[in-house]
N, C-alpha and C. Protein backbone atom coordinates (compact mmCIF):
# COMPACT_ATOMS: atom_id res chain seq x y z
N MET A 1 6.03 -12.08 16.95
CA MET A 1 5.80 -12.33 15.55
C MET A 1 7.57 -12.74 15.12
N GLU A 2 7.64 -13.30 14.49
CA GLU A 2 9.14 -13.87 13.93
C GLU A 2 9.41 -12.85 12.87
N ASP A 3 10.75 -12.79 13.05
CA ASP A 3 11.59 -11.68 12.39
C ASP A 3 11.74 -12.62 10.76
N PHE A 4 11.51 -11.73 9.95
CA PHE A 4 11.74 -12.07 8.59
C PHE A 4 13.19 -11.91 7.99
N THR A 5 14.19 -12.90 7.56
CA THR A 5 15.42 -12.90 7.62
C THR A 5 16.21 -12.23 6.11
N GLY A 6 15.47 -12.36 5.19
CA GLY A 6 16.08 -11.97 3.83
C GLY A 6 15.14 -11.21 2.90
N PRO A 7 15.60 -10.94 1.83
CA PRO A 7 17.06 -10.87 1.36
C PRO A 7 17.52 -9.41 1.77
N GLU A 8 18.70 -9.63 1.74
CA GLU A 8 19.54 -8.26 1.84
C GLU A 8 19.72 -8.00 0.36
N LEU A 9 19.87 -6.27 0.52
CA LEU A 9 20.07 -5.63 -0.86
C LEU A 9 21.25 -4.67 -0.49
N ARG A 10 22.13 -4.38 -1.66
CA ARG A 10 23.32 -3.77 -1.33
C ARG A 10 23.15 -2.62 -2.67
N SER A 11 23.77 -1.45 -2.48
CA SER A 11 24.24 -0.69 -3.37
C SER A 11 25.59 0.07 -3.06
N ARG A 12 25.83 0.98 -3.59
CA ARG A 12 27.41 1.34 -3.78
C ARG A 12 27.70 1.52 -2.24
N ARG A 13 26.68 2.43 -1.29
CA ARG A 13 27.27 2.85 -0.01
C ARG A 13 26.31 2.34 1.00
N LEU A 14 25.21 1.42 0.60
CA LEU A 14 24.21 1.10 1.33
C LEU A 14 23.90 -0.13 1.79
N LEU A 15 23.69 -1.05 2.70
CA LEU A 15 23.29 -2.15 2.91
C LEU A 15 21.96 -1.98 3.49
N LEU A 16 20.83 -2.70 3.07
CA LEU A 16 19.31 -2.92 3.41
C LEU A 16 19.23 -4.25 3.69
N THR A 17 18.62 -4.04 5.05
CA THR A 17 18.14 -5.53 5.60
C THR A 17 16.84 -5.25 6.19
N PRO A 18 15.91 -6.44 5.80
CA PRO A 18 14.49 -6.47 6.19
C PRO A 18 14.60 -5.79 7.94
N PHE A 19 13.40 -5.14 8.24
CA PHE A 19 13.00 -4.56 9.46
C PHE A 19 13.44 -5.95 10.12
N ARG A 20 14.08 -5.92 11.67
CA ARG A 20 13.85 -6.96 12.82
C ARG A 20 13.56 -6.19 14.03
N ARG A 21 12.81 -7.04 15.09
CA ARG A 21 12.40 -6.53 16.16
C ARG A 21 13.62 -6.08 17.02
N ILE A 22 14.63 -6.60 16.76
CA ILE A 22 15.93 -6.41 17.52
C ILE A 22 16.38 -4.82 17.17
N GLU A 23 16.06 -4.27 16.05
CA GLU A 23 16.54 -2.88 16.03
C GLU A 23 15.19 -1.87 15.98
N ALA A 24 14.18 -2.36 16.74
CA ALA A 24 13.32 -1.44 17.23
C ALA A 24 13.67 -0.08 17.63
N ASP A 25 14.70 -0.17 18.48
CA ASP A 25 15.07 1.14 19.40
C ASP A 25 15.71 1.90 18.35
N ALA A 26 16.51 1.46 17.33
CA ALA A 26 17.29 2.22 16.48
C ALA A 26 16.13 2.99 15.69
N LEU A 27 15.42 1.89 15.07
CA LEU A 27 14.18 2.46 14.09
C LEU A 27 13.17 3.56 14.64
N LEU A 28 13.04 3.28 16.07
CA LEU A 28 12.30 4.29 16.70
C LEU A 28 12.95 5.60 16.80
N THR A 29 14.35 5.70 16.98
CA THR A 29 15.03 7.02 16.84
C THR A 29 14.93 7.43 15.53
N VAL A 30 14.88 6.81 14.57
CA VAL A 30 14.96 7.38 13.36
C VAL A 30 13.55 7.89 12.94
N PHE A 31 12.64 7.05 13.18
CA PHE A 31 11.38 7.62 13.05
C PHE A 31 10.43 8.80 13.87
N ARG A 32 11.24 8.95 14.93
CA ARG A 32 11.00 10.08 15.96
C ARG A 32 11.81 11.24 15.66
N ASP A 33 12.86 11.45 14.58
CA ASP A 33 13.62 12.34 14.26
C ASP A 33 12.73 13.52 13.53
N ALA A 34 12.75 14.69 14.10
CA ALA A 34 11.77 15.58 13.59
C ALA A 34 11.81 15.86 12.07
N GLY A 35 13.01 15.55 11.15
CA GLY A 35 13.32 15.73 10.04
C GLY A 35 12.61 14.65 9.26
N VAL A 36 12.39 13.37 10.00
CA VAL A 36 12.24 12.18 9.06
C VAL A 36 10.60 12.57 9.32
N ARG A 37 10.17 12.83 10.41
CA ARG A 37 8.59 12.70 10.93
C ARG A 37 7.85 13.69 9.99
N ARG A 38 8.70 14.81 9.72
CA ARG A 38 7.75 15.87 9.09
C ARG A 38 7.05 15.60 7.83
N TYR A 39 7.44 15.17 6.91
CA TYR A 39 6.38 14.48 5.68
C TYR A 39 5.93 13.27 6.07
N LEU A 40 6.59 12.21 6.41
CA LEU A 40 6.17 10.75 6.62
C LEU A 40 5.39 10.71 7.74
N LEU A 41 5.40 11.15 8.66
CA LEU A 41 4.36 10.89 9.55
C LEU A 41 3.38 12.15 10.17
N ASP A 42 3.54 13.04 9.39
CA ASP A 42 2.70 14.54 9.52
C ASP A 42 3.22 15.16 11.09
N ASP A 43 4.35 14.98 11.38
CA ASP A 43 4.73 15.25 12.73
C ASP A 43 4.49 14.55 13.74
N LEU A 44 3.96 13.21 13.62
CA LEU A 44 3.64 12.46 14.69
C LEU A 44 4.67 11.65 15.40
N GLU A 45 4.62 12.03 16.50
CA GLU A 45 5.60 11.26 17.31
C GLU A 45 5.15 9.85 17.62
N VAL A 46 5.74 8.90 16.83
CA VAL A 46 5.15 7.26 17.18
C VAL A 46 5.95 6.68 18.54
N SER A 47 5.11 5.72 18.96
CA SER A 47 5.82 4.98 20.12
C SER A 47 6.32 3.59 19.61
N ARG A 48 7.24 3.02 20.62
CA ARG A 48 7.79 1.97 20.25
C ARG A 48 6.91 0.76 19.83
N GLN A 49 5.39 0.54 20.22
CA GLN A 49 4.71 -0.21 20.12
C GLN A 49 4.49 0.01 18.44
N TRP A 50 4.02 1.32 18.01
CA TRP A 50 4.02 1.27 16.82
C TRP A 50 5.06 1.10 15.68
N VAL A 51 6.36 0.99 16.25
CA VAL A 51 7.60 0.68 15.55
C VAL A 51 7.52 -1.06 15.51
N LEU A 52 7.28 -1.72 16.44
CA LEU A 52 7.03 -3.04 16.66
C LEU A 52 5.78 -3.51 15.71
N ALA A 53 4.88 -2.78 15.99
CA ALA A 53 3.82 -3.23 14.70
C ALA A 53 4.11 -2.80 13.15
N GLU A 54 5.20 -2.04 12.83
CA GLU A 54 5.30 -1.80 11.56
C GLU A 54 6.24 -3.07 11.09
N ILE A 55 7.46 -3.49 12.09
CA ILE A 55 8.18 -4.72 12.00
C ILE A 55 7.54 -5.92 11.67
N ASP A 56 6.49 -6.18 12.43
CA ASP A 56 5.89 -7.29 12.11
C ASP A 56 4.64 -7.03 10.88
N ALA A 57 4.12 -5.92 10.65
CA ALA A 57 3.44 -6.01 9.37
C ALA A 57 4.31 -6.06 8.06
N SER A 58 5.88 -5.62 8.26
CA SER A 58 6.64 -5.44 7.01
C SER A 58 7.17 -7.17 6.96
N ALA A 59 7.03 -7.94 8.16
CA ALA A 59 7.79 -9.36 7.81
C ALA A 59 6.38 -10.07 7.27
N ALA A 60 5.19 -9.71 7.44
CA ALA A 60 4.10 -10.67 6.98
C ALA A 60 4.08 -10.22 5.37
N ARG A 61 4.49 -8.95 4.84
CA ARG A 61 4.55 -8.31 3.59
C ARG A 61 5.50 -9.31 2.87
N PHE A 62 6.54 -9.15 3.45
CA PHE A 62 7.77 -9.98 3.01
C PHE A 62 7.34 -11.53 2.95
N ARG A 63 6.51 -12.06 3.68
CA ARG A 63 6.30 -13.60 3.60
C ARG A 63 5.48 -13.65 2.39
N GLU A 64 4.40 -12.60 2.48
CA GLU A 64 2.92 -12.72 1.39
C GLU A 64 3.38 -12.20 -0.04
N ASN A 65 4.39 -11.26 -0.28
CA ASN A 65 4.46 -10.78 -1.46
C ASN A 65 6.17 -10.27 -1.66
N GLY A 66 6.81 -10.49 -0.78
CA GLY A 66 8.36 -10.22 -0.94
C GLY A 66 8.68 -9.04 -0.72
N ALA A 67 7.41 -7.79 -0.74
CA ALA A 67 7.89 -6.67 -0.32
C ALA A 67 7.40 -5.83 0.84
N GLY A 68 8.62 -5.77 1.83
CA GLY A 68 8.23 -5.03 3.03
C GLY A 68 9.39 -3.98 3.23
N LEU A 69 9.73 -3.73 4.29
CA LEU A 69 10.68 -2.23 4.71
C LEU A 69 12.03 -2.81 5.19
N TRP A 70 13.08 -2.26 4.38
CA TRP A 70 14.13 -2.56 5.05
C TRP A 70 14.92 -1.42 5.72
N THR A 71 15.93 -1.81 6.86
CA THR A 71 16.51 -0.85 7.31
C THR A 71 17.84 -0.27 6.51
N ALA A 72 18.17 0.99 6.51
CA ALA A 72 19.36 1.43 5.74
C ALA A 72 20.21 1.65 6.73
N ARG A 73 21.69 0.90 5.94
CA ARG A 73 22.82 1.03 6.89
C ARG A 73 24.04 1.77 5.98
N LEU A 74 24.95 2.35 6.62
CA LEU A 74 26.08 2.77 5.77
C LEU A 74 26.83 1.32 5.62
N SER A 75 27.09 0.69 4.27
CA SER A 75 28.41 -0.39 4.15
C SER A 75 29.57 -0.07 5.32
N ARG A 76 29.75 1.10 5.11
CA ARG A 76 31.52 1.04 5.46
C ARG A 76 31.32 1.17 7.26
N ASP A 77 30.52 1.30 7.94
CA ASP A 77 30.22 1.02 9.58
C ASP A 77 28.87 0.41 10.06
N GLY A 78 27.75 0.10 9.18
CA GLY A 78 26.88 -0.30 9.64
C GLY A 78 25.75 0.40 10.41
N GLU A 79 26.07 1.91 10.42
CA GLU A 79 25.38 2.75 11.23
C GLU A 79 24.05 2.80 10.37
N ILE A 80 22.80 2.62 11.01
CA ILE A 80 21.62 2.83 10.62
C ILE A 80 21.42 4.18 10.51
N ILE A 81 20.95 4.37 9.31
CA ILE A 81 20.72 6.09 8.93
C ILE A 81 19.44 6.25 8.49
N GLY A 82 18.57 5.00 8.01
CA GLY A 82 17.17 5.26 7.80
C GLY A 82 16.46 4.04 7.33
N PHE A 83 15.59 4.20 6.36
CA PHE A 83 14.72 3.04 5.96
C PHE A 83 14.14 3.30 4.46
N GLY A 84 13.60 2.19 3.96
CA GLY A 84 13.16 2.28 2.58
C GLY A 84 12.46 0.70 2.38
N GLY A 85 11.52 0.94 1.47
CA GLY A 85 10.77 -0.18 0.79
C GLY A 85 9.35 -0.07 0.37
N PHE A 86 8.76 -1.05 0.54
CA PHE A 86 7.28 -0.91 0.09
C PHE A 86 6.46 -1.30 1.37
N ARG A 87 5.17 -0.19 1.26
CA ARG A 87 4.37 -0.29 2.36
C ARG A 87 3.21 0.19 1.56
N GLU A 88 2.14 -0.63 2.37
CA GLU A 88 0.69 -0.05 1.62
C GLU A 88 -0.06 1.26 2.51
N PHE A 89 -0.43 2.17 1.43
CA PHE A 89 -0.74 3.44 2.12
C PHE A 89 -2.49 3.48 1.28
N PHE A 90 -3.13 4.30 2.05
CA PHE A 90 -4.52 4.91 1.28
C PHE A 90 -5.67 3.80 1.33
N ASP A 91 -6.99 4.31 0.78
CA ASP A 91 -7.83 2.97 1.04
C ASP A 91 -8.33 3.34 -0.39
N PRO A 92 -8.89 2.43 -1.14
CA PRO A 92 -8.03 0.95 -1.18
C PRO A 92 -6.55 0.53 -0.87
N PRO A 93 -6.05 -0.12 -0.13
CA PRO A 93 -4.44 -0.25 0.10
C PRO A 93 -3.34 -0.33 -1.15
N GLN A 94 -2.94 0.65 -1.41
CA GLN A 94 -1.87 0.49 -2.51
C GLN A 94 -0.38 0.45 -1.95
N LEU A 95 0.35 -0.45 -2.55
CA LEU A 95 1.75 -0.44 -2.43
C LEU A 95 2.19 0.50 -2.68
N GLN A 96 3.48 1.28 -2.18
CA GLN A 96 3.96 2.44 -2.52
C GLN A 96 5.62 2.19 -2.22
N LEU A 97 6.12 2.85 -2.98
CA LEU A 97 7.94 3.11 -2.70
C LEU A 97 7.58 4.20 -1.15
N LEU A 98 8.74 3.74 -0.38
CA LEU A 98 8.67 4.35 0.88
C LEU A 98 9.99 4.71 1.17
N TYR A 99 10.78 6.07 1.59
CA TYR A 99 12.09 5.98 2.19
C TYR A 99 12.30 7.31 2.93
N GLY A 100 13.34 6.77 3.91
CA GLY A 100 13.35 8.15 4.77
C GLY A 100 14.98 7.88 5.26
N LEU A 101 15.54 9.03 5.65
CA LEU A 101 16.95 9.17 5.75
C LEU A 101 17.08 10.23 7.38
N LEU A 102 17.69 9.79 8.06
CA LEU A 102 18.06 11.16 9.23
C LEU A 102 18.58 12.14 8.13
N PRO A 103 18.67 13.27 9.10
CA PRO A 103 18.98 14.81 8.18
C PRO A 103 20.46 14.78 8.26
N GLY A 104 21.28 14.21 8.85
CA GLY A 104 22.59 14.24 8.65
C GLY A 104 23.21 13.54 7.51
N HIS A 105 22.13 12.64 6.87
CA HIS A 105 22.68 11.89 5.69
C HIS A 105 21.95 12.63 4.45
N TRP A 106 21.31 13.57 4.71
CA TRP A 106 20.58 14.38 3.46
C TRP A 106 21.80 14.84 2.47
N GLY A 107 21.28 15.30 1.31
CA GLY A 107 21.98 15.84 0.40
C GLY A 107 23.16 14.93 -0.11
N GLN A 108 23.07 13.93 0.02
CA GLN A 108 24.47 13.09 -0.41
C GLN A 108 24.07 11.99 -1.30
N GLY A 109 22.96 12.36 -2.12
CA GLY A 109 22.36 11.48 -2.76
C GLY A 109 22.09 9.72 -2.31
N LEU A 110 22.27 9.63 -1.26
CA LEU A 110 21.52 8.20 -0.60
C LEU A 110 20.22 8.05 -0.80
N ALA A 111 19.49 8.70 -0.86
CA ALA A 111 17.93 8.70 -0.88
C ALA A 111 17.73 8.21 -2.08
N THR A 112 18.34 8.72 -3.26
CA THR A 112 18.44 8.30 -4.60
C THR A 112 18.87 7.07 -4.80
N GLU A 113 20.07 6.92 -4.24
CA GLU A 113 20.65 5.21 -4.59
C GLU A 113 19.80 4.47 -3.94
N MET A 114 19.28 4.64 -2.72
CA MET A 114 18.34 3.51 -2.18
C MET A 114 17.29 3.55 -3.10
N ALA A 115 16.49 4.69 -3.36
CA ALA A 115 15.19 4.49 -4.21
C ALA A 115 15.52 3.76 -5.19
N VAL A 116 16.75 4.10 -6.02
CA VAL A 116 17.11 2.97 -7.55
C VAL A 116 16.94 1.86 -6.90
N ARG A 117 17.73 1.26 -5.73
CA ARG A 117 18.13 -0.35 -5.46
C ARG A 117 16.68 -0.92 -5.40
N LEU A 118 15.93 -0.36 -4.57
CA LEU A 118 14.25 -0.63 -4.16
C LEU A 118 13.72 -0.70 -5.34
N CYS A 119 13.60 0.22 -6.30
CA CYS A 119 13.05 -0.01 -7.50
C CYS A 119 13.66 -1.04 -8.24
N ARG A 120 15.01 -1.35 -8.55
CA ARG A 120 15.66 -2.67 -8.95
C ARG A 120 14.97 -3.94 -8.66
N GLN A 121 14.68 -3.76 -7.29
CA GLN A 121 14.47 -5.26 -6.31
C GLN A 121 12.73 -5.46 -6.92
N GLY A 122 11.99 -4.12 -6.75
CA GLY A 122 10.40 -4.13 -7.08
C GLY A 122 10.28 -4.74 -8.64
N PHE A 123 11.15 -3.88 -9.89
CA PHE A 123 11.10 -4.47 -10.93
C PHE A 123 11.37 -5.95 -11.07
N ALA A 124 12.72 -6.05 -10.79
CA ALA A 124 13.58 -7.40 -11.15
C ALA A 124 13.41 -8.31 -10.14
N GLY A 125 13.34 -8.18 -9.06
CA GLY A 125 13.13 -9.06 -7.99
C GLY A 125 11.83 -9.56 -8.12
N LEU A 126 10.78 -8.61 -7.86
CA LEU A 126 9.46 -8.90 -7.43
C LEU A 126 8.53 -8.93 -8.77
N GLY A 127 8.83 -8.34 -10.00
CA GLY A 127 8.24 -8.59 -11.01
C GLY A 127 7.50 -7.58 -10.89
N PHE A 128 7.30 -6.54 -10.44
CA PHE A 128 6.31 -5.13 -10.37
C PHE A 128 6.29 -4.81 -11.67
N ARG A 129 4.90 -4.66 -12.06
CA ARG A 129 4.67 -4.02 -13.50
C ARG A 129 4.77 -2.19 -13.00
N THR A 130 4.29 -1.82 -12.25
CA THR A 130 4.45 -0.19 -11.76
C THR A 130 4.94 -0.33 -10.35
N ILE A 131 5.51 0.80 -10.10
CA ILE A 131 5.82 1.26 -8.77
C ILE A 131 5.24 2.64 -8.69
N ARG A 132 4.74 2.81 -7.32
CA ARG A 132 3.92 4.09 -6.96
C ARG A 132 4.51 4.72 -5.75
N ALA A 133 4.31 6.07 -5.75
CA ALA A 133 4.89 6.34 -4.53
C ALA A 133 4.10 8.06 -4.31
N ALA A 134 4.13 8.47 -2.82
CA ALA A 134 3.49 9.76 -2.89
C ALA A 134 4.27 10.39 -1.93
N THR A 135 4.22 11.71 -2.09
CA THR A 135 5.03 12.68 -1.22
C THR A 135 3.97 13.59 -0.75
N ASP A 136 4.33 14.72 0.26
CA ASP A 136 3.54 16.09 0.21
C ASP A 136 4.25 16.97 -0.76
N ALA A 137 3.53 17.87 -1.06
CA ALA A 137 3.82 18.79 -2.19
C ALA A 137 5.21 19.62 -1.77
N PRO A 138 5.10 20.25 -0.52
CA PRO A 138 6.22 20.78 0.08
C PRO A 138 7.61 20.18 0.07
N ASN A 139 7.63 18.84 0.12
CA ASN A 139 8.64 17.83 0.31
C ASN A 139 9.48 17.86 -0.92
N HIS A 140 10.25 19.02 -1.63
CA HIS A 140 10.83 19.45 -2.87
C HIS A 140 12.01 17.97 -2.97
N ALA A 141 12.66 17.69 -2.03
CA ALA A 141 13.87 16.96 -1.96
C ALA A 141 13.13 15.32 -2.18
N SER A 142 12.09 15.11 -1.75
CA SER A 142 11.72 13.81 -2.20
C SER A 142 11.19 13.53 -3.43
N ILE A 143 10.26 15.03 -3.89
CA ILE A 143 9.97 14.87 -5.53
C ILE A 143 11.18 14.92 -6.44
N ARG A 144 12.38 15.64 -5.97
CA ARG A 144 13.24 15.31 -6.84
C ARG A 144 13.91 14.10 -7.30
N VAL A 145 13.91 13.21 -5.96
CA VAL A 145 14.41 11.79 -5.83
C VAL A 145 13.29 10.86 -6.93
N LEU A 146 12.14 11.18 -6.72
CA LEU A 146 11.04 10.60 -7.72
C LEU A 146 11.22 10.81 -8.73
N GLU A 147 11.46 11.99 -9.29
CA GLU A 147 11.67 12.61 -10.96
C GLU A 147 13.01 11.95 -11.30
N LYS A 148 13.83 11.79 -10.46
CA LYS A 148 15.22 11.35 -11.10
C LYS A 148 15.10 9.77 -11.26
N LEU A 149 14.37 9.05 -10.60
CA LEU A 149 14.13 7.82 -11.26
C LEU A 149 13.24 7.68 -12.19
N GLY A 150 12.71 8.70 -12.80
CA GLY A 150 11.92 8.84 -14.16
C GLY A 150 10.43 8.63 -13.74
N MET A 151 10.04 8.76 -12.64
CA MET A 151 8.36 8.52 -12.04
C MET A 151 7.85 9.91 -12.68
N ARG A 152 6.58 9.75 -13.30
CA ARG A 152 5.80 10.94 -13.61
C ARG A 152 4.61 11.10 -12.57
N ARG A 153 4.23 12.23 -12.45
CA ARG A 153 3.12 12.79 -11.50
C ARG A 153 1.96 12.29 -11.97
N THR A 154 1.08 11.46 -11.35
CA THR A 154 -0.19 10.94 -11.79
C THR A 154 -1.59 11.74 -11.09
N ASP A 155 -1.25 12.70 -10.06
CA ASP A 155 -2.38 13.10 -9.39
C ASP A 155 -1.71 13.76 -8.32
N SER A 156 -2.82 14.87 -7.68
CA SER A 156 -2.39 15.50 -6.27
C SER A 156 -3.80 15.62 -5.65
N THR A 157 -3.46 15.76 -4.48
CA THR A 157 -5.05 16.27 -3.68
C THR A 157 -4.99 17.57 -3.40
N PRO A 158 -5.99 18.26 -3.30
CA PRO A 158 -6.06 19.52 -3.53
C PRO A 158 -6.17 20.23 -1.77
N ALA A 159 -4.90 20.81 -1.45
CA ALA A 159 -4.66 21.34 -0.21
C ALA A 159 -3.77 22.20 0.03
N ASP A 160 -3.10 22.89 0.79
CA ASP A 160 -2.10 23.63 1.13
C ASP A 160 -0.75 22.59 0.88
N ASP A 161 -0.97 21.61 1.74
CA ASP A 161 -0.24 20.44 1.93
C ASP A 161 -0.34 19.16 0.95
N ALA A 162 -0.60 19.35 0.09
CA ALA A 162 -1.21 18.44 -0.95
C ALA A 162 -0.39 17.45 -0.93
N THR A 163 -0.74 16.07 -1.27
CA THR A 163 -0.24 14.79 -1.66
C THR A 163 0.22 14.78 -3.25
N VAL A 164 1.34 14.50 -3.51
CA VAL A 164 1.55 14.08 -4.75
C VAL A 164 1.82 13.17 -5.24
N PHE A 165 1.26 12.62 -6.11
CA PHE A 165 1.65 10.96 -6.56
C PHE A 165 2.36 10.97 -7.71
N PHE A 166 3.12 9.46 -7.84
CA PHE A 166 3.89 9.43 -8.75
C PHE A 166 3.65 7.81 -9.36
N ALA A 167 4.19 7.59 -10.19
CA ALA A 167 4.10 6.36 -10.77
C ALA A 167 5.08 6.05 -12.07
N LEU A 168 5.59 5.05 -11.77
CA LEU A 168 6.67 4.29 -12.87
C LEU A 168 6.27 3.11 -13.63
N ASP A 169 5.92 2.71 -14.46
CA ASP A 169 5.76 1.71 -15.25
C ASP A 169 7.26 1.02 -15.75
N ARG A 170 7.44 -0.18 -15.64
CA ARG A 170 8.32 -1.40 -16.03
C ARG A 170 8.90 -0.85 -17.47
N GLN A 171 8.05 -0.56 -18.33
CA GLN A 171 8.34 -0.36 -19.62
C GLN A 171 9.04 1.14 -19.95
N ASP A 172 8.70 1.97 -18.82
CA ASP A 172 9.29 3.32 -18.98
C ASP A 172 10.53 3.47 -17.98
N ALA A 173 11.01 2.62 -17.01
CA ALA A 173 12.00 2.56 -16.47
C ALA A 173 13.33 2.54 -17.16
N GLY A 174 14.41 3.11 -16.63
CA GLY A 174 15.98 3.23 -17.15
C GLY A 174 16.15 1.78 -16.81
N PRO A 175 17.33 1.19 -17.78
CA PRO A 175 18.13 -0.13 -17.42
C PRO A 175 18.46 -0.30 -16.06
N ASP A 176 19.16 0.89 -15.37
CA ASP A 176 19.53 0.74 -14.02
C ASP A 176 18.56 0.40 -12.90
N LEU A 177 17.14 0.46 -13.34
CA LEU A 177 16.06 0.01 -12.33
C LEU A 177 15.55 -1.22 -12.51
N VAL A 178 15.64 -1.68 -13.78
CA VAL A 178 15.12 -3.06 -14.30
C VAL A 178 15.94 -4.26 -14.39
N ALA A 179 17.27 -3.80 -14.19
CA ALA A 179 18.54 -4.82 -14.77
C ALA A 179 18.39 -5.65 -13.00
N GLY A 180 18.70 -6.89 -13.40
CA GLY A 180 18.98 -7.75 -12.01
C GLY A 180 20.30 -7.61 -11.58
N GLU A 181 20.70 -8.44 -10.36
CA GLU A 181 21.71 -8.24 -9.61
C GLU A 181 23.17 -8.52 -10.73
């Protein structure tokens, strides 16, 4: 499948570019990191073929509705440090906000910065009325990011490692999340 070539998104410290097949090995490193896969992949160690399938699925979503996955880089040096965007989860499929960073970049506000930029793209760039997200209940850092966005808890699954669901409606979002470029 051919790579999708746009749009690039920028924030103060990050450059977000649509997933590309040429980045498969770098993305594999991110997805295989124990800290990243702990909550996002239920500790499953994915293959390069899985990453290529995610890249292709993201390109298809970009073509279909403009909402796929972006590689996250530090603006200052271009280092790939994570990913973020919108991906379908659950049955029936539900488009949700998703993000992940390598552990060396945790605790610096980068996840929040990326999530704000992605929400802005969702609301202002793609016209979303609601942005949804889900995270494992023990993932307190991700819950804090979603709460900083103004998201509200909408549901959770019963279990020790429950999934907590969040949503943010456009009319309830702060101006930094709905303003255009």
